[in-house]
Amino acid sequence: MPAQYATIGQVEKIATAICKKGGQGGSGAENLAPAFDSSKSYEVGEVCTKDDKLFRCTTATSGEFNPSCWAQTTVVELINLAITGSINKEY
């Protein structure tokens, strides 16, 4: 199965979110991804925010937030994972 890379649109969304936050304080996580939604199913590689932190799904999950299915992440890490094609790998 070929690696899935981030699209230009996804990278632009991340860059735009960072720029919007500017010097307003806070982590800016709320600009990068939607808040965690327990009614949604998440696939490996999807991102969400919870408690003003950015998380990447590492194991497909649904229902209540299960920390073992998520890794706290940063924008830099997401970009690196997208570049290497590792963002959608299960851990």
N, C-alpha and C. Protein backbone atom coordinates (compact mmCIF):
# COMPACT_ATOMS: atom_id res chain seq x y z
N MET A 1 0.85 -1.17 0.00
CA MET A 1 0.00 0.00 0.00
C MET A 1 0.90 1.24 0.00
N PRO A 2 0.72 2.15 -0.94
CA PRO A 2 1.59 3.33 -1.00
C PRO A 2 1.33 4.26 0.18
N ALA A 3 2.36 4.98 0.57
CA ALA A 3 2.24 5.94 1.66
C ALA A 3 1.30 7.07 1.26
N GLN A 4 0.58 7.59 2.22
CA GLN A 4 -0.30 8.73 1.97
C GLN A 4 0.37 9.97 2.53
N TYR A 5 0.55 10.95 1.68
CA TYR A 5 1.21 12.19 2.09
C TYR A 5 0.16 13.28 2.29
N ALA A 6 0.53 14.26 3.08
CA ALA A 6 -0.36 15.41 3.28
C ALA A 6 -0.50 16.16 1.97
N THR A 7 -1.68 16.65 1.75
CA THR A 7 -1.91 17.46 0.55
C THR A 7 -1.44 18.89 0.83
N ILE A 8 -1.25 19.64 -0.24
CA ILE A 8 -0.89 21.05 -0.09
C ILE A 8 -1.96 21.75 0.74
N GLY A 9 -3.22 21.40 0.51
CA GLY A 9 -4.31 22.01 1.26
C GLY A 9 -4.20 21.76 2.76
N GLN A 10 -3.80 20.55 3.14
CA GLN A 10 -3.65 20.25 4.56
C GLN A 10 -2.51 21.06 5.17
N VAL A 11 -1.40 21.17 4.46
CA VAL A 11 -0.27 21.94 4.96
C VAL A 11 -0.65 23.42 5.04
N GLU A 12 -1.37 23.92 4.04
CA GLU A 12 -1.81 25.32 4.07
C GLU A 12 -2.75 25.57 5.25
N LYS A 13 -3.61 24.61 5.57
CA LYS A 13 -4.53 24.76 6.70
C LYS A 13 -3.73 24.90 8.00
N ILE A 14 -2.71 24.09 8.16
CA ILE A 14 -1.87 24.17 9.35
C ILE A 14 -1.18 25.53 9.42
N ALA A 15 -0.59 25.95 8.30
CA ALA A 15 0.12 27.23 8.28
C ALA A 15 -0.83 28.39 8.56
N THR A 16 -2.02 28.36 7.99
CA THR A 16 -3.00 29.42 8.21
C THR A 16 -3.42 29.47 9.68
N ALA A 17 -3.63 28.32 10.27
CA ALA A 17 -4.03 28.27 11.67
C ALA A 17 -2.95 28.86 12.57
N ILE A 18 -1.71 28.57 12.28
CA ILE A 18 -0.62 29.12 13.08
C ILE A 18 -0.59 30.64 12.95
N CYS A 19 -0.74 31.13 11.74
CA CYS A 19 -0.71 32.58 11.50
C CYS A 19 -1.88 33.28 12.19
N LYS A 20 -3.06 32.65 12.20
CA LYS A 20 -4.23 33.25 12.84
C LYS A 20 -3.99 33.44 14.33
N LYS A 21 -3.32 32.48 14.94
CA LYS A 21 -3.13 32.55 16.39
C LYS A 21 -2.22 33.71 16.75
N GLY A 22 -1.21 33.94 15.93
CA GLY A 22 -0.31 35.06 16.15
C GLY A 22 0.15 35.17 17.58
N GLY A 23 0.07 36.35 18.13
CA GLY A 23 0.52 36.59 19.49
C GLY A 23 -0.60 36.61 20.50
N GLN A 24 -1.68 35.90 20.25
CA GLN A 24 -2.85 35.96 21.12
C GLN A 24 -2.72 35.12 22.38
N GLY A 25 -1.64 34.39 22.54
CA GLY A 25 -1.48 33.54 23.71
C GLY A 25 -2.16 32.20 23.51
N GLY A 26 -2.04 31.31 24.46
CA GLY A 26 -2.61 29.97 24.33
C GLY A 26 -1.77 29.12 23.40
N SER A 27 -2.17 27.88 23.23
CA SER A 27 -1.39 26.96 22.41
C SER A 27 -1.70 27.10 20.93
N GLY A 28 -2.88 27.62 20.60
CA GLY A 28 -3.29 27.69 19.21
C GLY A 28 -3.86 26.38 18.69
N ALA A 29 -3.94 25.36 19.52
CA ALA A 29 -4.42 24.05 19.09
C ALA A 29 -5.82 24.13 18.53
N GLU A 30 -6.66 25.00 19.10
CA GLU A 30 -8.04 25.09 18.64
C GLU A 30 -8.14 25.55 17.20
N ASN A 31 -7.10 26.17 16.67
CA ASN A 31 -7.09 26.60 15.28
C ASN A 31 -6.62 25.50 14.33
N LEU A 32 -6.01 24.47 14.86
CA LEU A 32 -5.39 23.45 14.02
C LEU A 32 -6.30 22.28 13.69
N ALA A 33 -7.19 21.96 14.56
CA ALA A 33 -8.04 20.77 14.37
C ALA A 33 -9.32 20.95 15.18
N PRO A 34 -10.36 20.23 14.80
CA PRO A 34 -11.60 20.31 15.57
C PRO A 34 -11.44 19.67 16.95
N ALA A 35 -12.29 20.08 17.86
CA ALA A 35 -12.29 19.48 19.19
C ALA A 35 -12.68 18.01 19.09
N PHE A 36 -12.16 17.20 20.01
CA PHE A 36 -12.51 15.79 20.06
C PHE A 36 -14.02 15.65 20.18
N ASP A 37 -14.58 14.69 19.44
CA ASP A 37 -16.03 14.47 19.42
C ASP A 37 -16.27 12.98 19.67
N SER A 38 -16.83 12.65 20.83
CA SER A 38 -17.03 11.25 21.19
C SER A 38 -18.04 10.53 20.30
N SER A 39 -18.80 11.28 19.50
CA SER A 39 -19.77 10.63 18.60
C SER A 39 -19.14 10.29 17.25
N LYS A 40 -17.88 10.65 17.05
CA LYS A 40 -17.19 10.44 15.78
C LYS A 40 -16.24 9.25 15.88
N SER A 41 -16.05 8.55 14.78
CA SER A 41 -15.02 7.51 14.68
C SER A 41 -13.78 8.14 14.08
N TYR A 42 -12.62 7.84 14.63
CA TYR A 42 -11.37 8.41 14.17
C TYR A 42 -10.49 7.33 13.55
N GLU A 43 -9.88 7.67 12.45
CA GLU A 43 -8.93 6.79 11.76
C GLU A 43 -7.51 7.21 12.13
N VAL A 44 -6.58 6.29 11.97
CA VAL A 44 -5.17 6.58 12.24
C VAL A 44 -4.74 7.78 11.40
N GLY A 45 -4.07 8.73 12.05
CA GLY A 45 -3.56 9.91 11.37
C GLY A 45 -4.44 11.13 11.52
N GLU A 46 -5.71 10.95 11.90
CA GLU A 46 -6.57 12.11 12.10
C GLU A 46 -6.12 12.88 13.35
N VAL A 47 -6.39 14.17 13.35
CA VAL A 47 -6.01 14.98 14.50
C VAL A 47 -7.23 15.64 15.12
N CYS A 48 -7.11 15.93 16.40
CA CYS A 48 -8.17 16.64 17.11
C CYS A 48 -7.51 17.42 18.24
N THR A 49 -8.31 18.24 18.89
CA THR A 49 -7.83 18.93 20.08
C THR A 49 -8.63 18.45 21.28
N LYS A 50 -7.96 18.47 22.41
CA LYS A 50 -8.61 18.13 23.68
C LYS A 50 -7.85 18.88 24.76
N ASP A 51 -8.58 19.58 25.59
CA ASP A 51 -7.96 20.35 26.67
C ASP A 51 -6.86 21.28 26.14
N ASP A 52 -7.13 21.92 25.00
CA ASP A 52 -6.22 22.88 24.38
C ASP A 52 -4.88 22.24 23.98
N LYS A 53 -4.91 20.93 23.71
CA LYS A 53 -3.72 20.22 23.23
C LYS A 53 -4.06 19.54 21.92
N LEU A 54 -3.07 19.37 21.08
CA LEU A 54 -3.23 18.74 19.77
C LEU A 54 -2.86 17.27 19.88
N PHE A 55 -3.74 16.39 19.35
CA PHE A 55 -3.51 14.95 19.39
C PHE A 55 -3.64 14.35 18.00
N ARG A 56 -2.86 13.30 17.75
CA ARG A 56 -2.92 12.52 16.50
C ARG A 56 -3.36 11.12 16.86
N CYS A 57 -4.35 10.61 16.12
CA CYS A 57 -4.86 9.26 16.36
C CYS A 57 -3.82 8.23 15.92
N THR A 58 -3.48 7.31 16.83
CA THR A 58 -2.49 6.28 16.53
C THR A 58 -3.10 4.90 16.35
N THR A 59 -4.33 4.72 16.82
CA THR A 59 -5.09 3.48 16.67
C THR A 59 -6.54 3.87 16.44
N ALA A 60 -7.17 3.33 15.41
CA ALA A 60 -8.58 3.67 15.12
C ALA A 60 -9.41 3.55 16.39
N THR A 61 -10.30 4.52 16.61
CA THR A 61 -11.05 4.57 17.86
C THR A 61 -12.38 5.30 17.68
N SER A 62 -13.26 5.10 18.63
CA SER A 62 -14.53 5.83 18.70
C SER A 62 -14.95 5.86 20.15
N GLY A 63 -15.96 6.65 20.46
CA GLY A 63 -16.45 6.75 21.83
C GLY A 63 -15.63 7.72 22.65
N GLU A 64 -15.62 7.49 23.95
CA GLU A 64 -14.91 8.38 24.86
C GLU A 64 -13.42 8.44 24.52
N PHE A 65 -12.78 9.55 24.86
CA PHE A 65 -11.36 9.74 24.58
C PHE A 65 -10.56 8.67 25.32
N ASN A 66 -9.79 7.89 24.58
CA ASN A 66 -8.95 6.84 25.14
C ASN A 66 -7.50 7.24 24.90
N PRO A 67 -6.78 7.68 25.92
CA PRO A 67 -5.41 8.16 25.74
C PRO A 67 -4.48 7.16 25.06
N SER A 68 -4.77 5.87 25.17
CA SER A 68 -3.89 4.87 24.54
C SER A 68 -4.04 4.86 23.02
N CYS A 69 -5.05 5.53 22.48
CA CYS A 69 -5.27 5.59 21.03
C CYS A 69 -4.78 6.90 20.42
N TRP A 70 -4.21 7.76 21.23
CA TRP A 70 -3.81 9.10 20.79
C TRP A 70 -2.40 9.42 21.25
N ALA A 71 -1.71 10.25 20.48
CA ALA A 71 -0.40 10.76 20.86
C ALA A 71 -0.47 12.28 20.80
N GLN A 72 -0.07 12.92 21.91
CA GLN A 72 -0.01 14.37 21.86
C GLN A 72 1.06 14.74 20.84
N THR A 73 0.79 15.76 20.05
CA THR A 73 1.68 16.08 18.94
C THR A 73 1.88 17.58 18.81
N THR A 74 2.71 17.96 17.88
CA THR A 74 2.97 19.36 17.57
C THR A 74 2.81 19.56 16.07
N VAL A 75 2.72 20.79 15.65
CA VAL A 75 2.63 21.09 14.23
C VAL A 75 3.87 20.59 13.51
N VAL A 76 5.03 20.81 14.09
CA VAL A 76 6.28 20.37 13.46
C VAL A 76 6.28 18.86 13.28
N GLU A 77 5.84 18.13 14.29
CA GLU A 77 5.79 16.67 14.17
C GLU A 77 4.82 16.24 13.08
N LEU A 78 3.65 16.89 13.00
CA LEU A 78 2.69 16.53 11.96
C LEU A 78 3.25 16.78 10.57
N ILE A 79 3.95 17.89 10.40
CA ILE A 79 4.55 18.18 9.10
C ILE A 79 5.62 17.15 8.77
N ASN A 80 6.46 16.81 9.74
CA ASN A 80 7.49 15.78 9.51
C ASN A 80 6.87 14.43 9.17
N LEU A 81 5.80 14.06 9.86
CA LEU A 81 5.13 12.79 9.58
C LEU A 81 4.52 12.82 8.18
N ALA A 82 3.97 13.96 7.79
CA ALA A 82 3.37 14.09 6.46
C ALA A 82 4.45 13.97 5.38
N ILE A 83 5.59 14.60 5.61
CA ILE A 83 6.67 14.57 4.63
C ILE A 83 7.21 13.15 4.46
N THR A 84 7.34 12.42 5.56
CA THR A 84 7.89 11.07 5.49
C THR A 84 6.86 10.01 5.13
N GLY A 85 5.59 10.40 5.10
CA GLY A 85 4.53 9.44 4.79
C GLY A 85 4.15 8.56 5.95
N SER A 86 4.54 8.94 7.16
CA SER A 86 4.28 8.12 8.34
C SER A 86 3.03 8.51 9.10
N ILE A 87 2.35 9.56 8.67
CA ILE A 87 1.24 10.09 9.47
C ILE A 87 0.09 9.10 9.62
N ASN A 88 -0.11 8.22 8.67
CA ASN A 88 -1.24 7.28 8.73
C ASN A 88 -0.85 5.89 9.19
N LYS A 89 0.31 5.74 9.81
CA LYS A 89 0.74 4.43 10.30
C LYS A 89 0.26 4.22 11.72
N GLU A 90 -0.21 2.99 11.98
CA GLU A 90 -0.65 2.65 13.32
C GLU A 90 0.57 2.37 14.18
N TYR A 91 0.50 2.77 15.45
CA TYR A 91 1.60 2.55 16.39
C TYR A 91 1.12 1.75 17.58
